[in-house]
Protein backbone atom coordinates (compact mmCIF):
# COMPACT_ATOMS: atom_id res chain seq x y z
CA MET A 1 0.00 0.00 0.00
CA PRO A 2 2.73 2.59 0.75
CA ARG A 3 3.97 2.22 -2.84
CA LEU A 4 0.58 3.40 -4.12
CA ARG A 5 0.63 6.67 -2.16
CA THR A 6 3.57 8.22 -4.01
CA PRO A 7 1.97 8.17 -7.48
CA ARG A 8 -1.29 9.52 -6.02
CA LEU A 9 0.53 12.33 -4.25
CA ARG A 10 2.46 13.11 -7.39
CA THR A 11 -0.79 13.25 -9.39
CA VAL A 12 -2.42 15.56 -6.83
CA LEU A 13 0.59 17.87 -6.89
CA LEU A 14 0.62 17.96 -10.70
CA VAL A 15 -3.10 18.73 -10.90
CA THR A 16 -2.84 21.40 -8.20
CA GLY A 17 0.18 22.98 -9.90
CA SER A 18 -1.55 23.02 -13.27
CA ALA A 19 -4.62 24.62 -11.73
CA LEU A 20 -2.51 27.37 -10.14
CA LEU A 21 -0.72 28.06 -13.42
CA ALA A 22 -4.04 28.20 -15.29
CA ARG A 23 -5.48 30.53 -12.68
CA ARG A 24 -2.50 32.89 -12.95
CA ALA A 25 -2.69 32.84 -16.74
CA LEU A 26 -6.41 33.63 -16.61
CA ARG A 27 -5.76 36.50 -14.20
CA ARG A 28 -3.15 37.94 -16.56
CA ARG A 29 -5.58 37.67 -19.49
CA ILE A 30 -8.35 39.39 -17.51
CA GLN A 31 -6.05 42.24 -16.47
CA ALA A 32 -4.97 42.70 -20.09
CA SER A 33 -8.59 42.77 -21.28
CA PRO A 34 -10.14 46.11 -22.40
CA LEU A 35 -12.95 45.38 -19.93
CA TRP A 36 -10.56 45.48 -16.93
CA PRO A 37 -11.19 46.75 -14.31
CA MET A 38 -14.77 45.52 -14.32
CA PRO A 39 -17.50 48.13 -13.62
CA ALA A 40 -18.46 46.36 -10.37
CA LEU A 41 -15.07 47.15 -8.83
CA GLU A 42 -14.27 50.24 -6.78
CA GLU A 43 -12.70 52.11 -9.69
CA PRO A 44 -15.58 53.17 -11.98
CA VAL A 45 -15.40 52.82 -15.73
CA SER A 46 -16.64 55.85 -17.69
CA GLY A 47 -17.96 56.19 -21.18
CA ARG A 48 -19.14 53.85 -23.88
CA PRO A 49 -17.22 51.98 -26.59
CA ARG A 50 -16.06 54.13 -29.48
CA ALA A 51 -17.03 53.34 -33.03
CA ARG A 52 -14.37 51.69 -35.17
CA ALA A 53 -11.91 54.34 -36.36
CA LEU A 54 -10.75 54.69 -39.97
CA ARG A 55 -7.79 56.61 -41.38
CA LEU A 56 -8.83 58.38 -44.58
CA LEU A 57 -7.01 60.60 -47.06
CA VAL A 58 -8.26 64.08 -47.94
CA THR A 59 -8.22 64.08 -51.75
CA ARG A 60 -10.33 67.18 -52.34
CA HIS A 61 -10.71 70.42 -50.40
CA GLU A 62 -12.82 72.95 -52.28
CA SER A 63 -15.06 75.92 -51.65
CA VAL A 64 -18.72 75.26 -52.53
CA ALA A 65 -20.25 78.49 -51.17
CA ASP A 66 -19.18 81.57 -49.22
CA GLY A 67 -17.55 80.23 -46.04
CA VAL A 68 -18.28 76.57 -46.89
CA VAL A 69 -15.73 73.92 -47.89
CA GLN A 70 -16.34 70.40 -49.12
CA LEU A 71 -14.00 67.50 -48.30
CA ARG A 72 -13.62 64.24 -50.17
CA LEU A 73 -12.19 61.55 -47.89
CA GLU A 74 -10.94 58.40 -49.60
CA GLY A 75 -10.32 54.87 -48.35
CA GLN A 76 -10.92 51.25 -49.29
CA GLY A 77 -14.09 49.24 -48.69
CA LEU A 78 -15.70 51.92 -46.53
CA PRO A 79 -18.73 51.05 -44.35
CA ALA A 80 -22.06 51.59 -46.07
CA TRP A 81 -24.36 54.45 -45.13
CA GLU A 82 -27.85 55.74 -45.89
CA PRO A 83 -29.17 59.29 -46.39
CA GLY A 84 -29.15 61.23 -43.12
CA ALA A 85 -25.96 59.62 -41.78
CA HIS A 86 -22.98 61.55 -40.43
CA LEU A 87 -19.31 61.00 -39.61
CA ASP A 88 -17.29 61.88 -36.52
CA LEU A 89 -14.10 63.63 -37.62
CA VAL A 90 -11.18 63.52 -35.17
CA LEU A 91 -9.44 66.80 -35.95
CA PRO A 92 -5.68 67.42 -35.62
CA SER A 93 -6.15 69.09 -32.23
CA GLY A 94 -8.10 66.09 -30.90
CA LEU A 95 -11.48 67.83 -31.15
CA ILE A 96 -14.28 65.63 -32.48
CA ARG A 97 -16.90 67.16 -34.74
CA GLN A 98 -19.87 65.68 -36.58
CA TYR A 99 -20.56 66.34 -40.27
CA SER A 100 -23.37 64.99 -42.43
CA LEU A 101 -22.51 62.82 -45.40
CA CYS A 102 -23.65 64.55 -48.57
CA GLY A 103 -22.15 62.36 -51.31
CA ASP A 104 -23.30 59.16 -52.99
CA PRO A 105 -24.12 56.18 -50.70
CA GLU A 106 -23.19 53.82 -53.55
CA ASP A 107 -19.58 55.06 -53.52
CA THR A 108 -17.68 52.72 -51.18
CA SER A 109 -14.30 54.34 -51.84
CA SER A 110 -14.96 57.81 -50.43
CA TYR A 111 -17.06 59.96 -48.12
CA THR A 112 -18.04 63.57 -48.80
CA VAL A 113 -18.76 66.15 -46.10
CA ALA A 114 -19.07 69.92 -46.02
CA THR A 115 -18.71 72.47 -43.23
CA ARG A 116 -19.29 76.16 -42.76
CA LEU A 117 -16.64 78.28 -41.04
CA ILE A 118 -17.93 79.51 -37.67
CA ALA A 119 -15.74 82.51 -36.92
CA ASP A 120 -16.74 82.75 -33.25
CA GLY A 121 -17.00 78.97 -32.69
CA ARG A 122 -14.78 76.68 -30.64
CA GLY A 123 -12.25 76.11 -33.40
CA GLY A 124 -13.41 72.89 -35.05
CA SER A 125 -14.66 74.41 -38.29
CA ARG A 126 -11.50 76.55 -38.57
CA GLU A 127 -9.35 73.42 -38.35
CA VAL A 128 -11.35 71.83 -41.16
CA HIS A 129 -10.98 74.92 -43.33
CA GLU A 130 -7.32 75.67 -42.64
CA GLN A 131 -5.59 72.42 -41.67
CA LEU A 132 -7.31 69.60 -43.55
CA GLN A 133 -5.78 70.25 -46.94
CA GLU A 134 -5.46 67.81 -49.84
CA GLY A 135 -2.99 65.09 -48.89
CA SER A 136 -3.84 65.22 -45.17
CA GLU A 137 -4.86 62.09 -43.30
CA ILE A 138 -7.68 62.17 -40.80
CA GLU A 139 -9.29 59.71 -38.41
CA VAL A 140 -13.04 59.26 -38.75
CA ARG A 141 -15.62 57.21 -36.85
CA GLY A 142 -18.93 55.99 -38.12
CA PRO A 143 -21.00 56.43 -40.16
CA ARG A 144 -23.96 56.73 -37.77
CA ASN A 145 -27.51 57.72 -38.59
CA ARG A 146 -29.86 59.43 -36.16
CA PHE A 147 -31.73 61.25 -38.96
CA PRO A 148 -32.92 58.39 -41.21
CA LEU A 149 -35.26 58.86 -44.13
CA ALA A 150 -38.66 57.39 -43.25
CA ALA A 151 -39.80 54.72 -45.66
CA GLY A 152 -43.32 54.66 -47.04
CA ALA A 153 -44.48 58.20 -46.20
CA PRO A 154 -47.11 59.43 -48.68
CA SER A 155 -45.18 62.68 -49.17
CA TYR A 156 -42.14 64.54 -47.84
CA VAL A 157 -41.44 68.18 -47.02
CA PHE A 158 -37.88 69.36 -46.36
CA VAL A 159 -36.75 72.62 -44.78
CA ALA A 160 -33.00 73.30 -44.98
CA GLY A 161 -31.23 76.29 -43.47
CA GLY A 162 -27.81 76.97 -45.01
CA ILE A 163 -25.38 74.15 -44.27
CA GLY A 164 -28.41 72.14 -43.13
CA ILE A 165 -28.85 71.11 -46.77
CA THR A 166 -26.04 68.52 -46.39
CA PRO A 167 -28.02 65.61 -44.84
CA ILE A 168 -31.08 66.47 -46.92
CA LEU A 169 -29.40 66.41 -50.34
CA PRO A 170 -28.88 62.59 -50.43
CA MET A 171 -32.50 62.19 -49.31
CA LEU A 172 -33.71 64.23 -52.26
CA ARG A 173 -31.64 62.18 -54.69
CA ALA A 174 -33.02 58.93 -53.25
CA LEU A 175 -36.65 60.13 -53.34
CA GLU A 176 -36.27 61.47 -56.87
CA ALA A 177 -34.85 58.12 -58.00
CA ARG A 178 -37.90 56.27 -56.65
CA GLY A 179 -40.41 58.81 -57.97
CA ALA A 180 -41.66 59.91 -54.53
CA ASP A 181 -43.62 63.09 -53.82
CA TRP A 182 -41.39 65.72 -52.16
CA ARG A 183 -40.91 69.45 -51.73
CA LEU A 184 -37.97 71.49 -50.44
CA LEU A 185 -37.74 74.95 -48.91
CA TYR A 186 -34.08 75.99 -48.90
CA ALA A 187 -33.33 79.15 -46.87
CA GLY A 188 -30.11 81.09 -46.31
CA ARG A 189 -28.70 84.53 -45.68
CA THR A 190 -27.70 85.02 -49.33
CA ARG A 191 -27.74 82.79 -52.40
CA ALA A 192 -23.93 82.91 -52.46
CA SER A 193 -23.80 81.44 -48.93
CA MET A 194 -26.02 78.43 -49.77
CA PRO A 195 -24.00 75.30 -50.69
CA PHE A 196 -25.25 72.89 -53.37
CA LEU A 197 -27.95 75.37 -54.38
CA GLU A 198 -27.64 74.65 -58.10
CA GLU A 199 -27.97 70.88 -57.61
CA ALA A 200 -31.00 71.30 -55.34
CA GLU A 201 -32.73 73.49 -57.93
CA LYS A 202 -31.96 70.98 -60.70
CA LEU A 203 -33.46 68.15 -58.64
CA GLY A 204 -36.64 70.18 -58.34
CA GLY A 205 -36.83 70.56 -62.09
CA GLU A 206 -39.62 72.62 -63.58
CA ARG A 207 -42.34 71.33 -61.26
CA GLY A 208 -41.79 73.99 -58.60
CA ARG A 209 -40.82 71.55 -55.89
CA VAL A 210 -37.88 73.66 -54.69
CA SER A 211 -38.42 77.09 -53.12
CA VAL A 212 -35.32 79.17 -52.45
CA VAL A 213 -35.54 81.97 -49.88
CA ALA A 214 -32.49 84.22 -49.59
CA GLU A 215 -33.00 86.46 -46.58
CA ASP A 216 -31.27 89.49 -48.12
CA GLU A 217 -33.69 89.33 -51.07
CA ASP A 218 -36.86 87.68 -49.80
CA GLY A 219 -36.94 88.08 -46.02
CA ARG A 220 -38.01 85.18 -43.81
CA PRO A 221 -39.64 82.04 -45.27
CA ASP A 222 -43.39 81.46 -44.95
CA LEU A 223 -43.30 78.17 -43.05
CA ALA A 224 -46.98 78.14 -42.21
CA GLY A 225 -47.88 78.53 -45.88
CA LEU A 226 -45.43 75.78 -46.86
CA LEU A 227 -46.92 73.27 -44.42
CA ALA A 228 -50.58 74.29 -44.48
CA ASP A 229 -51.65 72.02 -47.34
CA SER A 230 -49.50 69.02 -46.37
CA ALA A 231 -51.28 65.68 -46.72
CA PRO A 232 -51.90 63.51 -43.62
CA ASP A 233 -48.81 61.61 -42.43
CA THR A 234 -46.44 63.80 -44.43
CA ALA A 235 -42.86 63.38 -43.19
CA VAL A 236 -41.36 66.82 -42.49
CA TYR A 237 -37.57 67.05 -42.22
CA CYS A 238 -35.69 70.10 -40.98
CA CYS A 239 -31.99 70.78 -40.47
CA GLY A 240 -30.57 74.21 -39.78
CA PRO A 241 -30.25 76.85 -37.06
CA GLU A 242 -32.15 76.26 -33.81
CA GLY A 243 -34.50 79.17 -34.51
CA LEU A 244 -35.53 77.68 -37.84
CA MET A 245 -36.23 74.27 -36.31
CA GLU A 246 -38.32 75.85 -33.56
CA ALA A 247 -40.29 77.80 -36.15
CA VAL A 248 -40.96 74.65 -38.18
CA ALA A 249 -42.10 72.81 -35.06
CA ALA A 250 -44.47 75.67 -34.19
CA ALA A 251 -45.97 75.73 -37.70
CA LEU A 252 -46.28 71.94 -38.03
CA PRO A 253 -49.85 70.67 -38.62
CA GLY A 254 -50.92 67.98 -36.18
CA HIS A 255 -51.24 65.34 -38.91
CA CYS A 256 -47.57 65.58 -39.96
CA GLU A 257 -44.52 63.84 -38.48
CA LEU A 258 -41.48 66.02 -37.70
CA HIS A 259 -37.83 64.89 -37.96
CA LEU A 260 -35.06 67.22 -36.79
CA GLU A 261 -31.27 67.09 -37.11
CA ARG A 262 -29.20 69.06 -34.62
CA PHE A 263 -25.44 69.59 -34.42
CA ALA A 264 -25.53 71.78 -31.34
CA PRO A 265 -26.68 70.93 -27.80
CA HIS A 266 -30.43 71.20 -27.35
CA THR A 267 -31.58 73.90 -24.97
CA SER A 268 -34.36 73.28 -22.47
CA ALA A 269 -37.21 75.28 -21.05
CA ASP A 270 -36.07 74.14 -17.60
CA GLY A 271 -33.08 76.44 -17.90
CA ASN A 272 -29.55 76.07 -16.61
CA GLY A 273 -30.06 76.56 -12.88
CA PRO A 274 -27.73 75.17 -10.17
CA PHE A 275 -28.05 71.73 -8.58
CA GLU A 276 -25.93 69.11 -6.80
CA VAL A 277 -24.42 65.88 -8.07
CA GLU A 278 -23.47 63.12 -5.66
CA LEU A 279 -20.69 60.81 -6.84
CA ARG A 280 -21.81 57.65 -5.06
CA ARG A 281 -18.64 55.58 -5.47
CA SER A 282 -16.30 58.47 -4.75
CA GLY A 283 -18.27 59.58 -1.70
CA ARG A 284 -18.30 63.23 -2.76
CA THR A 285 -20.97 65.77 -3.64
CA VAL A 286 -20.17 68.52 -6.14
CA PRO A 287 -22.16 71.68 -6.92
CA VAL A 288 -23.08 72.31 -10.55
CA LEU A 289 -23.37 76.06 -10.96
CA ALA A 290 -25.73 77.80 -13.37
CA GLY A 291 -24.21 77.71 -16.83
CA THR A 292 -21.66 75.02 -15.86
CA SER A 293 -21.89 71.50 -17.26
CA VAL A 294 -22.06 68.41 -15.09
CA LEU A 295 -18.92 67.24 -16.89
CA ALA A 296 -16.94 70.33 -15.87
CA ALA A 297 -18.08 70.06 -12.26
CA VAL A 298 -17.32 66.33 -12.05
CA ARG A 299 -13.89 66.67 -13.67
CA ALA A 300 -12.86 69.05 -10.88
CA GLU A 301 -13.23 66.07 -8.52
CA VAL A 302 -12.56 63.15 -10.89
CA PRO A 303 -10.05 64.45 -13.48
CA ASN A 304 -9.83 61.16 -15.40
CA VAL A 305 -13.52 60.95 -16.30
CA SER A 306 -13.87 60.18 -20.02
CA TYR A 307 -15.25 62.76 -22.46
CA SER A 308 -14.71 63.93 -26.02
CA CYS A 309 -17.09 66.06 -28.12
CA GLU A 310 -18.72 68.02 -25.24
CA GLN A 311 -21.83 68.45 -27.41
CA GLY A 312 -23.88 65.36 -26.63
CA PHE A 313 -23.15 63.45 -29.82
CA CYS A 314 -20.27 60.99 -29.33
CA GLY A 315 -21.45 59.26 -26.12
CA THR A 316 -18.02 59.04 -24.47
CA CYS A 317 -19.19 60.72 -21.26
CA GLN A 318 -22.28 58.54 -20.72
CA GLN A 319 -22.78 57.84 -17.01
CA ARG A 320 -25.26 55.75 -15.05
CA VAL A 321 -27.74 57.74 -12.93
CA LEU A 322 -28.80 56.15 -9.64
CA GLU A 323 -31.20 58.83 -8.39
CA GLY A 324 -32.78 62.04 -9.65
CA GLU A 325 -34.71 63.24 -12.69
CA ILE A 326 -32.66 63.93 -15.81
CA ASP A 327 -33.09 66.81 -18.24
CA HIS A 328 -31.81 65.05 -21.38
CA ARG A 329 -30.31 67.39 -23.97
CA ASP A 330 -28.38 64.96 -26.14
CA GLU A 331 -29.21 63.61 -29.59
CA LEU A 332 -27.73 60.14 -29.08
CA LEU A 333 -29.21 58.01 -26.29
CA THR A 334 -32.05 55.60 -26.94
CA ASP A 335 -35.24 55.70 -24.87
CA SER A 336 -34.11 52.72 -22.83
CA GLU A 337 -30.70 54.29 -22.16
CA ARG A 338 -32.38 57.50 -21.02
CA ASP A 339 -34.13 55.59 -18.23
CA ASP A 340 -30.95 55.27 -16.15
CA SER A 341 -28.09 57.15 -17.83
CA MET A 342 -27.14 60.56 -19.20
CA LEU A 343 -24.48 62.34 -21.20
CA ILE A 344 -22.94 64.61 -18.59
CA CYS A 345 -21.45 67.04 -21.11
CA VAL A 346 -24.86 68.55 -21.99
CA SER A 347 -27.68 67.03 -19.91
CA ARG A 348 -28.68 68.40 -16.52
CA ALA A 349 -30.99 67.77 -13.56
CA ARG A 350 -34.68 68.66 -13.57
CA GLY A 351 -34.60 68.96 -9.80
CA GLU A 352 -32.03 69.90 -7.18
CA ARG A 353 -29.99 66.72 -7.13
CA LEU A 354 -28.61 63.80 -9.17
CA VAL A 355 -26.69 60.74 -8.01
CA LEU A 356 -24.16 59.27 -10.44
CA ASP A 357 -22.48 55.88 -10.31
CA LEU A 358 -19.05 57.49 -10.15
């Protein structure tokens, strides 16, 4: 019997040693994983996964209207997109800006975007105009579509304000190709400032489907008159300045369906008053002053919190909300996501207090 114990002991030791080695290897793999540390641990994980990034070449940089440039970005086997989609451009400074795709969805070798120079903006449009010259490389993410063209509507009405024509132009081409009923009101400060004006007018042909309103010549557009005779269930699309979108919403007949595209944070009737944010995991409470974002207030206490666009579009700063009513001002989250999370760069509290899982 004693002779049998040695092999058994040896087997036990080998099995135990193998188990320990496997456990250590698994631990190393977990620690190397992009999901480490896990959200349930003490150190919180901020943000949401980024879309796959592409490196594209700028092969065309041309002026298409006063203060507007168009970029052609080339690559190989690019992801497909549909009218209404946009790209995230990662600019040389690291800023991320969103621009609607205005080219041909059938072209899988390039994307086309256009942007207006905002002289008093935060610098993104200036980078596009001055630094993204032909031969430059740029990182892009997407495409993503939060402004899709509704299928099967009996008729369509489009209202574009200036650079807001960019997501609408591919929609017009698609509807014209299928013989759908559509109308466009294209408004701008001057005709010279309105990109792709000639193409839009050609798409309208001689049937009077395109109305051009240049403010210096014609004043403000008659939105009520445009929408008054719309058929039931008409899909109304608007992209442009906030004031234009508000005016379209106010003039919209009750039997029409409105679709809006924004590239600036949405304002709220609840205002920008002060409130408090408790960081549950960190054990701290921070004041959010009037006019200050939750992101700015939180970063004063948690400097490594993830963020990027600061406009409510990229989703990097999404955080879980444990308590409190949220004033959502983003254009990204789904209804289910809005139940228990927010984008802290633009959204705020409806009451006096929020509790974040941070």
